[in-house]
Amino acid sequence: MSEVEALYELFKKLSSSIINDGLIHKIFDLFDLKCNGVLDFGEFLRSLGVFHPNDPVEDKIKCEFPWAI
């Protein structure tokens, strides 16, 4: 199985097991680029990239503090 397919399987598992605790929706809202209330697979992949150690610090800051840009 390719890495993308494995990530897609993880995405499906996570998206079907979300518990409405308030916090998870705030986190998902940061990555919902289309602002449609749904985190699609592309947005999910982008969100993982932000946490990669080689991702530029500027991108991490933009993700954490979008109102500051």
N, C-alpha and C. Protein backbone atom coordinates (compact mmCIF):
# COMPACT_ATOMS: atom_id res chain seq x y z
N MET A 1 0.86 -1.18 0.00
CA MET A 1 0.00 0.00 0.00
C MET A 1 0.90 1.24 0.00
N SER A 2 0.59 2.17 -0.86
CA SER A 2 1.40 3.39 -0.92
C SER A 2 1.16 4.25 0.31
N GLU A 3 2.05 5.20 0.54
CA GLU A 3 1.91 6.09 1.69
C GLU A 3 0.63 6.91 1.61
N VAL A 4 0.28 7.35 0.41
CA VAL A 4 -0.94 8.15 0.25
C VAL A 4 -2.17 7.30 0.57
N GLU A 5 -2.18 6.05 0.11
CA GLU A 5 -3.30 5.18 0.42
C GLU A 5 -3.40 4.92 1.92
N ALA A 6 -2.26 4.75 2.57
CA ALA A 6 -2.25 4.54 4.02
C ALA A 6 -2.77 5.78 4.74
N LEU A 7 -2.37 6.95 4.26
CA LEU A 7 -2.87 8.19 4.87
C LEU A 7 -4.37 8.34 4.66
N TYR A 8 -4.84 7.93 3.49
CA TYR A 8 -6.27 8.02 3.21
C TYR A 8 -7.06 7.09 4.14
N GLU A 9 -6.54 5.91 4.39
CA GLU A 9 -7.19 4.98 5.31
C GLU A 9 -7.22 5.57 6.72
N LEU A 10 -6.12 6.20 7.14
CA LEU A 10 -6.09 6.86 8.44
C LEU A 10 -7.10 8.00 8.50
N PHE A 11 -7.17 8.78 7.42
CA PHE A 11 -8.13 9.88 7.35
C PHE A 11 -9.56 9.37 7.52
N LYS A 12 -9.90 8.28 6.83
CA LYS A 12 -11.26 7.73 6.94
C LYS A 12 -11.55 7.27 8.36
N LYS A 13 -10.59 6.64 9.00
CA LYS A 13 -10.78 6.18 10.37
C LYS A 13 -10.98 7.36 11.32
N LEU A 14 -10.14 8.38 11.17
CA LEU A 14 -10.24 9.55 12.05
C LEU A 14 -11.54 10.31 11.82
N SER A 15 -11.91 10.47 10.57
CA SER A 15 -13.10 11.27 10.27
C SER A 15 -14.38 10.59 10.73
N SER A 16 -14.35 9.28 10.89
CA SER A 16 -15.56 8.59 11.34
C SER A 16 -15.59 8.39 12.86
N SER A 17 -14.53 8.82 13.55
CA SER A 17 -14.49 8.60 14.99
C SER A 17 -14.34 9.89 15.78
N ILE A 18 -14.69 11.01 15.17
CA ILE A 18 -14.56 12.31 15.84
C ILE A 18 -15.59 12.43 16.96
N ILE A 19 -15.12 12.85 18.11
CA ILE A 19 -16.01 13.09 19.26
C ILE A 19 -16.18 14.60 19.38
N ASN A 20 -17.40 15.04 19.53
CA ASN A 20 -17.68 16.47 19.62
C ASN A 20 -17.33 16.98 21.01
N ASP A 21 -16.06 17.33 21.19
CA ASP A 21 -15.62 17.88 22.47
C ASP A 21 -15.34 19.37 22.38
N GLY A 22 -15.60 19.96 21.24
CA GLY A 22 -15.39 21.39 21.06
C GLY A 22 -13.99 21.70 20.57
N LEU A 23 -12.99 21.11 21.17
CA LEU A 23 -11.61 21.41 20.81
C LEU A 23 -11.26 20.89 19.42
N ILE A 24 -11.66 19.68 19.12
CA ILE A 24 -11.30 19.10 17.82
C ILE A 24 -11.86 19.93 16.67
N HIS A 25 -13.03 20.50 16.86
CA HIS A 25 -13.61 21.33 15.80
C HIS A 25 -12.84 22.62 15.62
N LYS A 26 -12.28 23.16 16.68
CA LYS A 26 -11.46 24.36 16.55
C LYS A 26 -10.19 24.05 15.76
N ILE A 27 -9.62 22.89 16.03
CA ILE A 27 -8.42 22.48 15.30
C ILE A 27 -8.75 22.24 13.84
N PHE A 28 -9.85 21.52 13.57
CA PHE A 28 -10.24 21.26 12.19
C PHE A 28 -10.54 22.56 11.46
N ASP A 29 -11.14 23.53 12.13
CA ASP A 29 -11.45 24.81 11.49
C ASP A 29 -10.20 25.50 10.97
N LEU A 30 -9.06 25.30 11.64
CA LEU A 30 -7.81 25.90 11.18
C LEU A 30 -7.39 25.36 9.81
N PHE A 31 -7.75 24.11 9.54
CA PHE A 31 -7.33 23.47 8.31
C PHE A 31 -8.42 23.41 7.25
N ASP A 32 -9.60 23.86 7.57
CA ASP A 32 -10.73 23.86 6.62
C ASP A 32 -10.60 25.07 5.70
N LEU A 33 -9.74 24.94 4.70
CA LEU A 33 -9.45 26.07 3.81
C LEU A 33 -10.66 26.52 3.01
N LYS A 34 -11.55 25.62 2.71
CA LYS A 34 -12.75 25.95 1.94
C LYS A 34 -13.86 26.51 2.82
N CYS A 35 -13.65 26.49 4.13
CA CYS A 35 -14.63 26.99 5.11
C CYS A 35 -16.02 26.40 4.86
N ASN A 36 -16.04 25.10 4.59
CA ASN A 36 -17.32 24.43 4.34
C ASN A 36 -17.72 23.47 5.46
N GLY A 37 -16.98 23.51 6.57
CA GLY A 37 -17.32 22.67 7.70
C GLY A 37 -16.89 21.23 7.55
N VAL A 38 -16.13 20.94 6.47
CA VAL A 38 -15.68 19.58 6.20
C VAL A 38 -14.18 19.63 5.93
N LEU A 39 -13.46 18.75 6.57
CA LEU A 39 -12.04 18.63 6.30
C LEU A 39 -11.86 17.52 5.27
N ASP A 40 -11.60 17.91 4.02
CA ASP A 40 -11.46 16.89 2.99
C ASP A 40 -10.05 16.32 3.01
N PHE A 41 -9.80 15.33 2.18
CA PHE A 41 -8.53 14.62 2.22
C PHE A 41 -7.36 15.54 1.91
N GLY A 42 -7.52 16.44 0.96
CA GLY A 42 -6.45 17.39 0.63
C GLY A 42 -6.11 18.30 1.80
N GLU A 43 -7.12 18.79 2.47
CA GLU A 43 -6.90 19.64 3.63
C GLU A 43 -6.25 18.84 4.77
N PHE A 44 -6.66 17.58 4.90
CA PHE A 44 -6.06 16.70 5.90
C PHE A 44 -4.57 16.52 5.62
N LEU A 45 -4.21 16.28 4.36
CA LEU A 45 -2.80 16.11 4.01
C LEU A 45 -2.01 17.39 4.28
N ARG A 46 -2.60 18.52 3.96
CA ARG A 46 -1.93 19.80 4.21
C ARG A 46 -1.69 19.98 5.71
N SER A 47 -2.66 19.61 6.52
CA SER A 47 -2.52 19.76 7.97
C SER A 47 -1.40 18.89 8.51
N LEU A 48 -1.21 17.71 7.95
CA LEU A 48 -0.11 16.85 8.38
C LEU A 48 1.23 17.47 8.03
N GLY A 49 1.29 18.11 6.87
CA GLY A 49 2.52 18.73 6.43
C GLY A 49 2.99 19.83 7.36
N VAL A 50 2.06 20.53 7.97
CA VAL A 50 2.41 21.62 8.87
C VAL A 50 3.19 21.10 10.08
N PHE A 51 2.93 19.86 10.46
CA PHE A 51 3.59 19.29 11.63
C PHE A 51 4.90 18.58 11.29
N HIS A 52 5.26 18.55 10.01
CA HIS A 52 6.50 17.89 9.61
C HIS A 52 7.69 18.72 10.11
N PRO A 53 8.73 18.07 10.62
CA PRO A 53 9.88 18.82 11.16
C PRO A 53 10.57 19.70 10.13
N ASN A 54 10.49 19.37 8.84
CA ASN A 54 11.14 20.18 7.82
C ASN A 54 10.27 21.31 7.29
N ASP A 55 9.04 21.40 7.75
CA ASP A 55 8.16 22.49 7.31
C ASP A 55 8.71 23.80 7.88
N PRO A 56 8.76 24.86 7.07
CA PRO A 56 9.30 26.13 7.56
C PRO A 56 8.54 26.65 8.78
N VAL A 57 9.27 27.25 9.69
CA VAL A 57 8.68 27.80 10.91
C VAL A 57 7.60 28.82 10.57
N GLU A 58 7.81 29.58 9.50
CA GLU A 58 6.83 30.59 9.10
C GLU A 58 5.47 29.95 8.80
N ASP A 59 5.49 28.77 8.15
CA ASP A 59 4.24 28.07 7.85
C ASP A 59 3.55 27.59 9.12
N LYS A 60 4.33 27.15 10.09
CA LYS A 60 3.76 26.71 11.37
C LYS A 60 3.10 27.89 12.10
N ILE A 61 3.77 29.04 12.05
CA ILE A 61 3.22 30.24 12.70
C ILE A 61 1.93 30.67 12.01
N LYS A 62 1.91 30.66 10.67
CA LYS A 62 0.69 31.02 9.94
C LYS A 62 -0.45 30.10 10.28
N CYS A 63 -0.15 28.83 10.48
CA CYS A 63 -1.18 27.86 10.82
C CYS A 63 -1.73 28.11 12.22
N GLU A 64 -0.85 28.36 13.16
CA GLU A 64 -1.26 28.55 14.55
C GLU A 64 -1.91 29.91 14.80
N PHE A 65 -1.47 30.92 14.07
CA PHE A 65 -1.95 32.28 14.31
C PHE A 65 -2.39 32.93 12.98
N PRO A 66 -3.42 32.39 12.33
CA PRO A 66 -3.81 32.91 11.01
C PRO A 66 -4.27 34.37 11.04
N TRP A 67 -4.74 34.83 12.17
CA TRP A 67 -5.21 36.22 12.27
C TRP A 67 -4.05 37.20 12.33
N ALA A 68 -2.84 36.71 12.56
CA ALA A 68 -1.68 37.59 12.70
C ALA A 68 -1.00 37.90 11.38
N ILE A 69 -1.48 37.31 10.28
CA ILE A 69 -0.83 37.56 9.00
C ILE A 69 -1.58 38.58 8.19
